[in-house]
Amino acid sequence: MKKIGALLLALVLTLGLVGCGGNAGASDLTGKISLDGSTSMEKLVKALAEGFSEKNPGVTVEPQFTGSSTGVESVINKTTDIGNASRELKDSEKEKGAIENIVAIDGIAVIVHTENAVGNLTQDQLKKIYTGEIKNWSEVGGADEGIVVIGREAASGTRGAFEELLDLKDQCNYAQEVDNTGAVVGKVASTSGAIGYVSLDATNDTVKTLQLEGVDATVENIQADLYFLKRPFVMATLGAISEQSDLVKAFFSYIESEEGQQIITQVGLITTK
């Protein structure tokens, strides 16, 4: 009887540790983490939030995607925990206490309609297209068709990084400005003469991605420093990570973990390690 009792006790302890849902190893953290900012970072943020929530079922991760500048401003105003920005932080934002935590590196892809004959642009040609100096695709080896220049809204981190990397701040002549990454892809896919720019991980077979200076927009070429349109993905905090709540610190620890780093590469981005 003593042996049976011991076996039963061991069984009870085992069941108690494993639990009915197989939630072994789950943390006891509870609460909510709020994130706001870049639409270009949506795929990354959602993937990280899902993975973190699986390990921490007591924590709710609430992301919003309203643009880089809005996200950083929300952190500064203490209305969100983390502000996502697909660009470097501005000096004015840093002066207000925002800290630039770079979690990944992204490439900016230049996209056109799938039937566009042009496959490559030089940096100079790209600049002249966006300033309006080059207005027809025939001027860069394409069909005799007007170029429709699509861009993001002024608060976009992608726009800010694109214009900064090309030294085109406040010089672009946009035919249309749209307020999210998906809208750029959709507009270019449905407009034969269009050109636009999006995060590398947002490209798909509905559009054609151009080479720049003869170099494909790929993770490998960005890692090799061959492709020049690249920018940081930032998760800004008000003050250092060490000064944040236990929940926020745990979220950044998850990003730095092997699993978090794998998620970064799985969504087509480059890790900073």
Protein backbone atom coordinates (compact mmCIF):
# COMPACT_ATOMS: atom_id res chain seq x y z
CA MET A 1 0.00 0.00 0.00
CA LYS A 2 2.85 2.38 0.79
CA LYS A 3 4.33 1.71 -2.65
CA ILE A 4 0.98 2.42 -4.36
CA GLY A 5 0.58 5.60 -2.30
CA ALA A 6 4.01 6.77 -3.33
CA LEU A 7 3.22 6.11 -7.00
CA LEU A 8 -0.04 8.04 -6.72
CA LEU A 9 1.74 10.97 -5.08
CA ALA A 10 4.34 11.01 -7.87
CA LEU A 11 1.55 10.96 -10.47
CA VAL A 12 -0.26 13.87 -8.81
CA LEU A 13 2.93 15.92 -8.65
CA THR A 14 3.68 15.20 -12.31
CA LEU A 15 0.19 16.20 -13.42
CA GLY A 16 0.43 19.35 -11.32
CA LEU A 17 3.68 20.35 -13.00
CA VAL A 18 2.57 19.60 -16.55
CA GLY A 19 -1.00 20.84 -16.26
CA CYS A 20 -3.96 19.89 -18.40
CA GLY A 21 -2.95 22.24 -21.21
CA GLY A 22 0.72 21.19 -21.38
CA ASN A 23 1.78 24.67 -20.28
CA ALA A 24 5.05 23.57 -18.69
CA GLY A 25 7.57 26.37 -18.38
CA ALA A 26 5.00 29.17 -18.71
CA SER A 27 5.95 32.28 -16.78
CA ASP A 28 3.88 33.88 -14.03
CA LEU A 29 4.07 37.35 -15.60
CA THR A 30 0.74 39.13 -15.96
CA GLY A 31 -0.33 42.41 -17.44
CA LYS A 32 -0.28 44.31 -20.74
CA ILE A 33 2.40 45.63 -23.09
CA SER A 34 1.40 48.32 -25.58
CA LEU A 35 3.28 49.09 -28.79
CA ASP A 36 2.55 51.73 -31.43
CA GLY A 37 4.25 52.92 -34.58
CA SER A 38 5.63 51.82 -37.95
CA THR A 39 3.37 49.98 -40.39
CA SER A 40 6.52 48.51 -41.99
CA MET A 41 7.22 46.68 -38.72
CA GLU A 42 3.77 45.06 -38.52
CA LYS A 43 4.85 41.57 -39.63
CA LEU A 44 7.80 41.55 -37.21
CA VAL A 45 5.87 42.94 -34.25
CA LYS A 46 2.95 40.54 -34.67
CA ALA A 47 5.28 37.55 -34.93
CA LEU A 48 7.25 38.58 -31.83
CA ALA A 49 4.03 39.31 -29.92
CA GLU A 50 2.63 35.88 -30.76
CA GLY A 51 5.79 34.06 -29.72
CA PHE A 52 6.11 36.06 -26.49
CA SER A 53 2.45 35.49 -25.59
CA GLU A 54 2.82 31.73 -26.03
CA LYS A 55 5.56 31.74 -23.41
CA ASN A 56 3.75 34.26 -21.21
CA PRO A 57 0.01 33.48 -21.41
CA GLY A 58 -0.75 35.95 -18.63
CA VAL A 59 0.56 38.87 -20.69
CA THR A 60 -1.47 40.67 -23.34
CA VAL A 61 0.56 42.32 -26.12
CA GLU A 62 -1.39 45.12 -27.84
CA PRO A 63 0.29 46.52 -30.99
CA GLN A 64 -0.99 49.40 -33.10
CA PHE A 65 0.42 50.58 -36.42
CA THR A 66 -0.08 54.31 -36.89
CA GLY A 67 3.31 55.38 -38.28
CA SER A 68 6.83 55.81 -36.89
CA SER A 69 6.56 59.41 -35.75
CA THR A 70 3.25 58.76 -33.99
CA GLY A 71 4.70 55.73 -32.22
CA VAL A 72 7.74 57.58 -30.89
CA GLU A 73 5.59 60.52 -29.84
CA SER A 74 3.31 58.11 -27.95
CA VAL A 75 6.30 56.82 -25.98
CA ILE A 76 7.43 60.34 -25.17
CA ASN A 77 3.88 61.19 -24.03
CA LYS A 78 3.78 57.98 -21.95
CA THR A 79 0.68 56.64 -23.73
CA THR A 80 2.44 53.50 -25.00
CA ASP A 81 5.25 51.31 -23.69
CA ILE A 82 7.21 50.85 -26.91
CA GLY A 83 7.31 53.06 -30.00
CA ASN A 84 8.17 51.28 -33.24
CA ALA A 85 10.11 53.34 -35.79
CA SER A 86 11.44 52.14 -39.14
CA ARG A 87 14.13 54.81 -39.12
CA GLU A 88 16.73 56.29 -36.81
CA LEU A 89 15.34 58.49 -34.04
CA LYS A 90 15.52 62.23 -34.58
CA ASP A 91 17.68 64.34 -32.29
CA SER A 92 14.53 66.14 -31.13
CA GLU A 93 13.00 62.81 -30.07
CA LYS A 94 16.16 61.76 -28.21
CA GLU A 95 16.25 65.12 -26.43
CA LYS A 96 12.80 64.31 -25.01
CA GLY A 97 14.05 61.04 -23.52
CA ALA A 98 13.34 58.50 -26.28
CA ILE A 99 15.98 55.79 -26.45
CA GLU A 100 16.83 54.11 -29.78
CA ASN A 101 16.80 50.32 -29.35
CA ILE A 102 17.65 48.80 -32.74
CA VAL A 103 16.17 45.29 -32.97
CA ALA A 104 16.67 44.50 -36.68
CA ILE A 105 17.91 45.84 -40.01
CA ASP A 106 15.59 46.14 -43.02
CA GLY A 107 16.09 46.82 -46.69
CA ILE A 108 13.91 49.26 -48.62
CA ALA A 109 12.80 47.73 -51.92
CA VAL A 110 11.91 49.84 -54.96
CA ILE A 111 8.91 48.30 -56.72
CA VAL A 112 7.19 48.76 -60.09
CA HIS A 113 4.34 47.12 -62.02
CA THR A 114 5.04 43.51 -63.04
CA GLU A 115 4.86 44.39 -66.75
CA ASN A 116 7.42 47.19 -66.50
CA ALA A 117 10.41 46.38 -68.76
CA VAL A 118 12.88 48.26 -66.54
CA GLY A 119 14.82 45.95 -64.23
CA ASN A 120 17.55 48.18 -62.83
CA LEU A 121 18.04 51.82 -61.84
CA THR A 122 21.15 53.70 -60.82
CA GLN A 123 21.04 55.78 -57.67
CA ASP A 124 21.13 58.93 -59.81
CA GLN A 125 18.19 57.75 -61.95
CA LEU A 126 16.17 56.90 -58.85
CA LYS A 127 16.79 60.34 -57.37
CA LYS A 128 15.80 62.06 -60.62
CA ILE A 129 12.59 60.02 -60.84
CA TYR A 130 11.56 61.04 -57.33
CA THR A 131 12.38 64.71 -57.84
CA GLY A 132 10.47 64.76 -61.13
CA GLU A 133 13.48 65.40 -63.36
CA ILE A 134 12.87 62.05 -65.09
CA LYS A 135 9.18 61.78 -65.94
CA ASN A 136 8.94 58.95 -68.50
CA TRP A 137 10.06 55.33 -68.34
CA SER A 138 11.59 55.64 -71.82
CA GLU A 139 14.28 57.86 -70.28
CA VAL A 140 15.61 54.87 -68.30
CA GLY A 141 15.19 52.16 -70.92
CA GLY A 142 11.52 51.39 -70.53
CA ALA A 143 8.32 51.97 -72.51
CA ASP A 144 7.06 55.39 -73.52
CA GLU A 145 4.88 55.80 -70.45
CA GLY A 146 4.64 58.44 -67.77
CA ILE A 147 6.08 57.60 -64.34
CA VAL A 148 3.59 57.69 -61.45
CA VAL A 149 5.60 58.37 -58.29
CA ILE A 150 4.02 56.78 -55.21
CA GLY A 151 5.25 57.65 -51.72
CA ARG A 152 4.32 57.39 -48.06
CA GLU A 153 2.83 60.09 -45.85
CA ALA A 154 5.13 62.59 -44.15
CA ALA A 155 5.14 60.74 -40.80
CA SER A 156 6.26 57.45 -42.33
CA GLY A 157 9.55 55.98 -41.17
CA THR A 158 10.03 54.33 -44.56
CA ARG A 159 9.68 57.68 -46.29
CA GLY A 160 12.01 59.34 -43.83
CA ALA A 161 14.68 56.66 -44.31
CA PHE A 162 14.26 56.59 -48.10
CA GLU A 163 14.59 60.36 -48.48
CA GLU A 164 17.50 60.52 -46.03
CA LEU A 165 19.46 57.71 -47.71
CA LEU A 166 19.03 59.40 -51.09
CA ASP A 167 19.55 62.90 -49.68
CA LEU A 168 16.10 63.93 -50.93
CA LYS A 169 14.43 65.36 -47.85
CA ASP A 170 11.56 67.68 -48.90
CA GLN A 171 12.54 67.31 -52.56
CA CYS A 172 10.34 64.44 -53.73
CA ASN A 173 7.58 65.13 -56.24
CA TYR A 174 4.92 62.55 -55.34
CA ALA A 175 1.91 61.91 -57.54
CA GLN A 176 0.22 60.26 -54.58
CA GLU A 177 1.02 59.70 -50.91
CA VAL A 178 -0.51 56.73 -49.07
CA ASP A 179 -0.56 55.95 -45.37
CA ASN A 180 0.60 52.34 -45.11
CA THR A 181 2.91 49.77 -46.66
CA GLY A 182 0.14 47.57 -48.07
CA ALA A 183 -1.39 50.54 -49.86
CA VAL A 184 1.90 51.23 -51.67
CA VAL A 185 2.08 47.62 -52.89
CA GLY A 186 -1.57 47.71 -53.96
CA LYS A 187 -1.24 51.01 -55.81
CA VAL A 188 1.90 49.95 -57.68
CA ALA A 189 0.37 46.56 -58.55
CA SER A 190 -2.67 48.22 -60.11
CA THR A 191 -0.95 51.15 -61.87
CA SER A 192 1.19 50.28 -64.91
CA GLY A 193 3.49 53.32 -64.71
CA ALA A 194 3.87 53.40 -60.94
CA ILE A 195 6.99 53.22 -58.81
CA GLY A 196 7.06 52.97 -55.01
CA TYR A 197 9.20 51.96 -52.05
CA VAL A 198 8.39 49.47 -49.29
CA SER A 199 10.04 47.38 -46.62
CA LEU A 200 11.83 44.41 -48.19
CA ASP A 201 9.64 41.89 -46.36
CA ALA A 202 6.50 43.48 -47.86
CA THR A 203 7.38 42.58 -51.46
CA ASN A 204 5.38 39.86 -53.20
CA ASP A 205 4.62 38.53 -56.68
CA THR A 206 2.01 41.23 -57.40
CA VAL A 207 4.84 43.72 -58.02
CA LYS A 208 8.35 43.70 -59.51
CA THR A 209 11.34 44.56 -57.33
CA LEU A 210 14.05 46.53 -59.12
CA GLN A 211 17.78 46.10 -58.88
CA LEU A 212 19.63 49.22 -57.73
CA GLU A 213 23.08 49.80 -59.20
CA GLY A 214 22.81 46.24 -60.56
CA VAL A 215 22.29 44.74 -57.09
CA ASP A 216 19.24 42.71 -56.06
CA ALA A 217 17.34 43.71 -52.94
CA THR A 218 18.08 40.63 -50.82
CA VAL A 219 18.99 39.93 -47.21
CA GLU A 220 22.33 38.50 -48.35
CA ASN A 221 23.25 41.65 -50.29
CA ILE A 222 22.25 43.88 -47.38
CA GLN A 223 24.39 41.80 -44.99
CA ALA A 224 27.30 42.11 -47.43
CA ASP A 225 26.77 45.89 -47.55
CA LEU A 226 26.19 45.74 -51.33
CA TYR A 227 22.65 47.14 -51.34
CA PHE A 228 22.51 50.77 -50.25
CA LEU A 229 18.83 51.24 -49.29
CA LYS A 230 18.72 49.85 -45.75
CA ARG A 231 17.52 51.19 -42.41
CA PRO A 232 17.11 50.18 -38.76
CA PHE A 233 13.95 48.86 -37.13
CA VAL A 234 13.78 50.62 -33.76
CA MET A 235 11.74 49.85 -30.66
CA ALA A 236 11.97 53.10 -28.74
CA THR A 237 11.49 53.37 -24.99
CA LEU A 238 11.31 56.36 -22.68
CA GLY A 239 14.57 55.83 -20.87
CA ALA A 240 16.82 52.77 -21.00
CA ILE A 241 15.40 49.24 -21.19
CA SER A 242 16.74 48.62 -17.67
CA GLU A 243 14.40 51.36 -16.42
CA GLN A 244 11.26 49.80 -17.91
CA SER A 245 8.63 47.58 -16.29
CA ASP A 246 9.32 43.87 -15.76
CA LEU A 247 6.98 43.11 -18.67
CA VAL A 248 8.82 45.36 -21.12
CA LYS A 249 12.20 44.07 -19.97
CA ALA A 250 10.96 40.50 -20.46
CA PHE A 251 9.76 41.38 -23.99
CA PHE A 252 13.19 42.74 -24.96
CA SER A 253 14.86 39.69 -23.40
CA TYR A 254 12.64 37.54 -25.60
CA ILE A 255 13.69 39.49 -28.70
CA GLU A 256 17.34 38.89 -27.77
CA SER A 257 16.75 35.17 -27.20
CA GLU A 258 17.51 32.52 -29.81
CA GLU A 259 13.81 32.17 -30.57
CA GLY A 260 13.35 35.92 -30.96
CA GLN A 261 16.34 36.15 -33.29
CA GLN A 262 14.94 33.30 -35.38
CA ILE A 263 11.66 35.19 -35.75
CA ILE A 264 13.55 38.24 -37.04
CA THR A 265 15.18 36.18 -39.79
CA GLN A 266 11.98 34.27 -40.57
CA VAL A 267 10.14 37.50 -41.46
CA GLY A 268 12.93 38.48 -43.86
CA LEU A 269 14.92 40.88 -41.67
CA ILE A 270 18.53 40.97 -40.50
CA THR A 271 19.51 40.52 -36.87
CA THR A 272 21.82 42.99 -35.17
CA LYS A 273 23.93 40.29 -33.51
